[in-house]
Amino acid sequence: MPAINWYPGHMAKTRRMLQENLKLIDVVVEILDARAPLASRNPDFDDLFSGKARVVLLNKSDLADSNATKRWISFFARRGVEAAGVSATGGAAKKIAVSFVEKAARPRVDAMKQKGVNKVVRCMIVGIPNVGKSTLINRIAGMNRAEVGDRPGVTRGKQWVKITPYLELMDTPGMLWPKLEDQELAKHLAFLGSIRDEIMDSEELALDLLALLQRMVPAQLAERYGKLSPDTPRAELLDAVCLSRGFLLRGGELDTERAARVALDEFRAGKLARITLELPEAEA
Protein backbone atom coordinates (compact mmCIF):
# COMPACT_ATOMS: atom_id res chain seq x y z
CA MET A 1 0.00 0.00 0.00
CA PRO A 2 1.38 3.49 -0.82
CA ALA A 3 2.72 5.65 2.01
CA ILE A 4 -0.05 7.31 4.01
CA ASN A 5 0.02 11.13 4.01
CA TRP A 6 -2.60 12.99 5.96
CA TYR A 7 -1.91 16.56 7.08
CA PRO A 8 -4.79 18.82 5.99
CA GLY A 9 -4.06 22.54 5.85
CA HIS A 10 -6.36 23.45 8.72
CA MET A 11 -4.23 21.49 11.21
CA ALA A 12 -1.65 24.29 11.44
CA LYS A 13 -4.52 26.63 12.32
CA THR A 14 -5.67 24.18 15.01
CA ARG A 15 -2.19 24.13 16.55
CA ARG A 16 -2.12 27.94 16.74
CA MET A 17 -5.57 27.85 18.30
CA LEU A 18 -4.41 25.52 21.06
CA GLN A 19 -1.33 27.62 21.76
CA GLU A 20 -3.34 30.81 22.00
CA ASN A 21 -5.75 29.30 24.53
CA LEU A 22 -3.21 27.58 26.77
CA LYS A 23 -2.95 30.56 29.11
CA LEU A 24 -6.57 29.94 30.11
CA ILE A 25 -6.02 26.26 30.91
CA ASP A 26 -5.22 24.48 34.20
CA VAL A 27 -5.35 20.84 33.05
CA VAL A 28 -4.89 19.19 29.67
CA VAL A 29 -6.77 15.92 29.13
CA GLU A 30 -5.39 13.90 26.24
CA ILE A 31 -7.77 11.34 24.76
CA LEU A 32 -6.15 8.29 23.16
CA ASP A 33 -7.67 5.27 21.48
CA ALA A 34 -7.08 2.37 23.88
CA ARG A 35 -6.63 0.01 20.92
CA ALA A 36 -3.63 1.99 19.63
CA PRO A 37 -2.30 4.32 22.35
CA LEU A 38 1.03 4.83 20.62
CA ALA A 39 -0.34 5.55 17.15
CA SER A 40 -3.11 7.82 18.46
CA ARG A 41 -0.79 9.96 20.57
CA ASN A 42 0.21 13.21 18.88
CA PRO A 43 4.00 13.53 19.47
CA ASP A 44 3.73 17.33 19.25
CA PHE A 45 1.68 17.46 22.46
CA ASP A 46 4.67 16.90 24.76
CA ASP A 47 6.24 20.19 23.69
CA LEU A 48 2.97 22.02 23.20
CA PHE A 49 1.67 21.28 26.71
CA SER A 50 4.89 21.17 28.69
CA GLY A 51 4.40 22.78 32.07
CA LYS A 52 0.67 21.98 32.21
CA ALA A 53 -0.91 19.37 34.46
CA ARG A 54 -1.88 16.47 32.20
CA VAL A 55 -4.17 13.46 32.27
CA VAL A 56 -4.45 10.64 29.73
CA LEU A 57 -7.76 8.86 29.13
CA LEU A 58 -7.62 5.66 27.09
CA ASN A 59 -11.01 5.84 25.41
CA LYS A 60 -12.84 2.93 23.77
CA SER A 61 -11.28 0.64 26.36
CA ASP A 62 -14.39 -1.53 26.04
CA LEU A 63 -13.11 -2.43 22.54
CA ALA A 64 -9.51 -3.06 23.64
CA ASP A 65 -7.80 -5.93 25.42
CA SER A 66 -8.23 -5.21 29.14
CA ASN A 67 -4.80 -6.57 30.15
CA ALA A 68 -3.13 -4.43 27.48
CA THR A 69 -4.97 -1.35 28.79
CA LYS A 70 -3.64 -2.04 32.31
CA ARG A 71 -0.12 -2.23 30.91
CA TRP A 72 -0.56 1.11 29.16
CA ILE A 73 -1.85 2.70 32.37
CA SER A 74 1.29 1.45 34.15
CA PHE A 75 3.43 2.72 31.29
CA PHE A 76 2.09 6.27 31.68
CA ALA A 77 2.30 6.08 35.49
CA ARG A 78 6.03 5.31 35.24
CA ARG A 79 6.36 8.55 33.28
CA GLY A 80 4.48 10.58 35.88
CA VAL A 81 1.21 10.84 33.94
CA GLU A 82 -2.10 9.78 35.45
CA ALA A 83 -4.01 7.53 33.05
CA ALA A 84 -7.26 5.57 33.05
CA GLY A 85 -9.25 3.42 30.68
CA VAL A 86 -12.72 4.75 29.87
CA SER A 87 -15.58 4.22 27.48
CA ALA A 88 -17.11 7.54 26.47
CA THR A 89 -20.41 5.77 25.86
CA GLY A 90 -20.41 4.12 29.29
CA GLY A 91 -21.91 5.37 32.52
CA ALA A 92 -18.66 5.43 34.53
CA ALA A 93 -16.80 7.75 32.14
CA LYS A 94 -17.99 10.95 33.81
CA LYS A 95 -16.97 9.91 37.33
CA ILE A 96 -13.53 8.72 36.20
CA ALA A 97 -12.78 11.76 34.05
CA VAL A 98 -13.92 14.35 36.60
CA SER A 99 -12.01 12.69 39.46
CA PHE A 100 -8.79 12.61 37.43
CA VAL A 101 -9.16 16.25 36.40
CA GLU A 102 -9.84 17.34 39.98
CA LYS A 103 -6.81 15.42 41.22
CA ALA A 104 -4.56 17.00 38.59
CA ALA A 105 -5.87 20.49 39.38
CA ARG A 106 -5.77 20.14 43.18
CA PRO A 107 -2.37 21.84 43.75
CA ARG A 108 -3.55 24.89 41.79
CA VAL A 109 -6.95 24.91 43.48
CA ASP A 110 -5.42 24.64 46.96
CA ALA A 111 -2.94 27.43 46.21
CA MET A 112 -5.75 29.75 45.14
CA LYS A 113 -7.87 28.79 48.14
CA GLN A 114 -5.08 29.95 50.44
CA LYS A 115 -5.46 33.34 48.77
CA GLY A 116 -9.20 33.30 49.42
CA VAL A 117 -10.17 32.46 45.83
CA ASN A 118 -12.43 29.58 44.80
CA LYS A 119 -10.68 28.55 41.63
CA VAL A 120 -12.67 27.61 38.51
CA VAL A 121 -10.74 24.75 36.90
CA ARG A 122 -10.52 25.06 33.13
CA CYS A 123 -9.65 21.90 31.27
CA MET A 124 -8.69 21.46 27.61
CA ILE A 125 -9.70 18.19 25.90
CA VAL A 126 -7.27 17.27 23.12
CA GLY A 127 -6.58 14.37 20.78
CA ILE A 128 -6.42 13.33 17.18
CA PRO A 129 -9.61 12.94 15.11
CA ASN A 130 -12.01 10.11 15.90
CA VAL A 131 -10.81 9.25 19.41
CA GLY A 132 -14.13 10.30 20.99
CA LYS A 133 -13.42 13.74 22.45
CA SER A 134 -16.88 15.20 21.83
CA THR A 135 -18.61 11.98 22.90
CA LEU A 136 -16.73 12.07 26.19
CA ILE A 137 -17.57 15.73 26.75
CA ASN A 138 -21.24 15.00 26.11
CA ARG A 139 -21.09 12.15 28.62
CA ILE A 140 -19.47 14.36 31.26
CA ALA A 141 -21.74 17.33 30.62
CA GLY A 142 -25.01 15.39 30.61
CA MET A 143 -27.95 17.81 30.74
CA ASN A 144 -25.56 20.77 30.94
CA ARG A 145 -24.61 20.15 27.30
CA ALA A 146 -27.27 22.68 26.26
CA GLU A 147 -25.20 25.43 27.88
CA VAL A 148 -22.37 25.00 25.39
CA GLY A 149 -21.50 28.18 23.55
CA ASP A 150 -18.65 30.10 21.98
CA ARG A 151 -16.94 32.39 24.44
CA PRO A 152 -15.93 35.84 23.11
CA GLY A 153 -12.37 35.88 21.85
CA VAL A 154 -12.22 32.10 21.45
CA THR A 155 -11.17 31.01 17.98
CA ARG A 156 -13.86 29.36 15.93
CA GLY A 157 -13.91 25.61 16.57
CA LYS A 158 -13.36 25.93 20.33
CA GLN A 159 -16.30 25.52 22.66
CA TRP A 160 -16.58 25.81 26.41
CA VAL A 161 -18.77 23.38 28.31
CA LYS A 162 -19.71 24.27 31.89
CA ILE A 163 -19.84 21.11 34.02
CA THR A 164 -20.15 22.63 37.50
CA PRO A 165 -19.72 26.17 38.85
CA TYR A 166 -16.05 25.30 39.34
CA LEU A 167 -15.27 23.09 36.32
CA GLU A 168 -15.30 24.04 32.63
CA LEU A 169 -14.13 21.97 29.67
CA MET A 170 -12.84 23.29 26.37
CA ASP A 171 -13.67 21.14 23.37
CA THR A 172 -11.08 21.28 20.57
CA PRO A 173 -10.86 20.04 16.98
CA GLY A 174 -8.84 16.89 16.40
CA MET A 175 -5.20 17.71 15.77
CA LEU A 176 -2.80 15.64 13.68
CA TRP A 177 0.93 16.17 13.26
CA PRO A 178 2.71 17.11 10.03
CA LYS A 179 4.47 13.88 9.07
CA LEU A 180 3.87 10.19 9.65
CA GLU A 181 7.34 8.78 10.21
CA ASP A 182 6.21 5.25 11.09
CA GLN A 183 4.00 3.75 8.40
CA GLU A 184 3.00 0.80 10.60
CA LEU A 185 1.55 3.19 13.18
CA ALA A 186 -0.07 5.12 10.34
CA LYS A 187 -1.70 1.89 9.23
CA HIS A 188 -3.05 1.33 12.76
CA LEU A 189 -4.71 4.74 12.60
CA ALA A 190 -6.16 3.87 9.22
CA PHE A 191 -7.55 0.62 10.64
CA LEU A 192 -9.27 2.62 13.39
CA GLY A 193 -10.72 5.19 10.99
CA SER A 194 -8.64 8.14 12.24
CA ILE A 195 -7.44 8.73 8.69
CA ARG A 196 -10.10 9.24 6.03
CA ASP A 197 -10.73 6.09 4.04
CA GLU A 198 -11.07 8.17 0.88
CA ILE A 199 -7.32 8.82 0.69
CA MET A 200 -6.45 5.09 0.73
CA ASP A 201 -7.17 1.92 -1.19
CA SER A 202 -9.81 0.40 1.10
CA GLU A 203 -9.34 -3.10 -0.26
CA GLU A 204 -5.58 -3.06 0.37
CA LEU A 205 -6.19 -1.64 3.82
CA ALA A 206 -8.77 -4.33 4.63
CA LEU A 207 -6.40 -7.05 3.40
CA ASP A 208 -3.68 -5.71 5.70
CA LEU A 209 -6.14 -5.64 8.61
CA LEU A 210 -7.45 -9.16 7.99
CA ALA A 211 -3.90 -10.51 7.67
CA LEU A 212 -3.01 -8.91 11.00
CA LEU A 213 -6.12 -10.27 12.71
CA GLN A 214 -5.40 -13.68 11.20
CA ARG A 215 -2.16 -13.67 13.21
CA MET A 216 -3.55 -12.08 16.38
CA VAL A 217 -7.02 -13.63 16.77
CA PRO A 218 -7.37 -16.42 14.20
CA ALA A 219 -10.19 -18.24 16.02
CA GLN A 220 -12.39 -15.14 16.42
CA LEU A 221 -11.80 -14.15 12.81
CA ALA A 222 -12.77 -17.61 11.55
CA GLU A 223 -15.86 -17.56 13.75
CA ARG A 224 -16.94 -14.20 12.31
CA TYR A 225 -16.29 -15.18 8.69
CA GLY A 226 -16.94 -18.89 8.34
CA LYS A 227 -15.16 -19.30 5.00
CA LEU A 228 -11.97 -17.70 6.32
CA SER A 229 -9.48 -19.98 8.06
CA PRO A 230 -6.09 -19.41 9.71
CA ASP A 231 -4.54 -20.84 6.52
CA THR A 232 -6.36 -18.64 4.01
CA PRO A 233 -3.73 -16.86 1.83
CA ARG A 234 -3.63 -13.09 2.15
CA ALA A 235 -4.73 -12.55 -1.44
CA GLU A 236 -7.90 -14.59 -0.79
CA LEU A 237 -8.99 -13.04 2.50
CA LEU A 238 -11.55 -10.64 1.00
CA ASP A 239 -12.82 -13.45 -1.22
CA ALA A 240 -13.42 -15.49 1.94
CA VAL A 241 -15.37 -12.62 3.52
CA CYS A 242 -17.49 -12.37 0.36
CA LEU A 243 -18.25 -16.08 0.39
CA SER A 244 -19.03 -15.97 4.12
CA ARG A 245 -21.56 -13.18 3.70
CA GLY A 246 -22.83 -13.81 0.19
CA PHE A 247 -21.42 -10.56 -1.20
CA LEU A 248 -21.91 -11.22 -4.91
CA LEU A 249 -22.34 -8.92 -7.87
CA ARG A 250 -24.40 -9.66 -10.96
CA GLY A 251 -22.93 -12.62 -12.77
CA GLY A 252 -21.58 -14.16 -9.57
CA GLU A 253 -18.52 -11.88 -9.27
CA LEU A 254 -17.32 -11.38 -5.70
CA ASP A 255 -18.03 -7.92 -4.29
CA THR A 256 -14.65 -7.40 -2.62
CA GLU A 257 -15.23 -3.65 -2.25
CA ARG A 258 -18.23 -4.30 -0.01
CA ALA A 259 -16.30 -7.00 1.87
CA ALA A 260 -13.50 -4.53 2.59
CA ARG A 261 -15.92 -1.92 3.87
CA VAL A 262 -17.70 -4.43 6.11
CA ALA A 263 -14.44 -5.86 7.53
CA LEU A 264 -13.17 -2.38 8.43
CA ASP A 265 -16.51 -1.31 9.92
CA GLU A 266 -16.88 -4.47 12.01
CA PHE A 267 -13.35 -4.16 13.37
CA ARG A 268 -13.90 -0.51 14.30
CA ALA A 269 -17.16 -1.41 16.05
CA GLY A 270 -15.44 -4.11 18.12
CA LYS A 271 -17.45 -6.95 16.58
CA LEU A 272 -14.44 -9.17 15.83
CA ALA A 273 -12.67 -9.24 19.20
CA ARG A 274 -11.31 -6.96 21.93
CA ILE A 275 -7.98 -6.15 20.33
CA THR A 276 -5.10 -3.83 21.21
CA LEU A 277 -2.78 -3.29 18.26
CA GLU A 278 0.19 -2.02 20.32
CA LEU A 279 1.83 -2.79 23.64
CA PRO A 280 4.12 -0.45 25.62
CA GLU A 281 7.19 -2.53 24.77
CA ALA A 282 6.70 -1.60 21.13
CA GLU A 283 7.65 2.00 21.91
CA ALA A 284 10.72 0.94 23.86
Foldseek 3Di string as FASTA:
>chain_A
DDFDFFADPCQVVQLVLLLVCVVVAQEEEEEAALQERPLFDAPCVCVSQPPHQYEYEHEPLVLADVVLSVQVQVVVVVVVHHYYYDYLPDLCLQVVVVVNQCVSRVVVQVVVVVVVDRAQHEYEYATAPPSCRVSNVCSNQPPQQVVKDDDPPRPPQWIWGDRDPRYIYIYHYGHHDRDDPDRVSVLVCVLLCSGPPVVDDLLVSLLVVVLVCLVVPQVLSCVVQVQDHNPDDSVCPLVSNCVSVVQADPPRHGPSVVSSVVSSVCSNVSNRHNHRPDHPVVVD
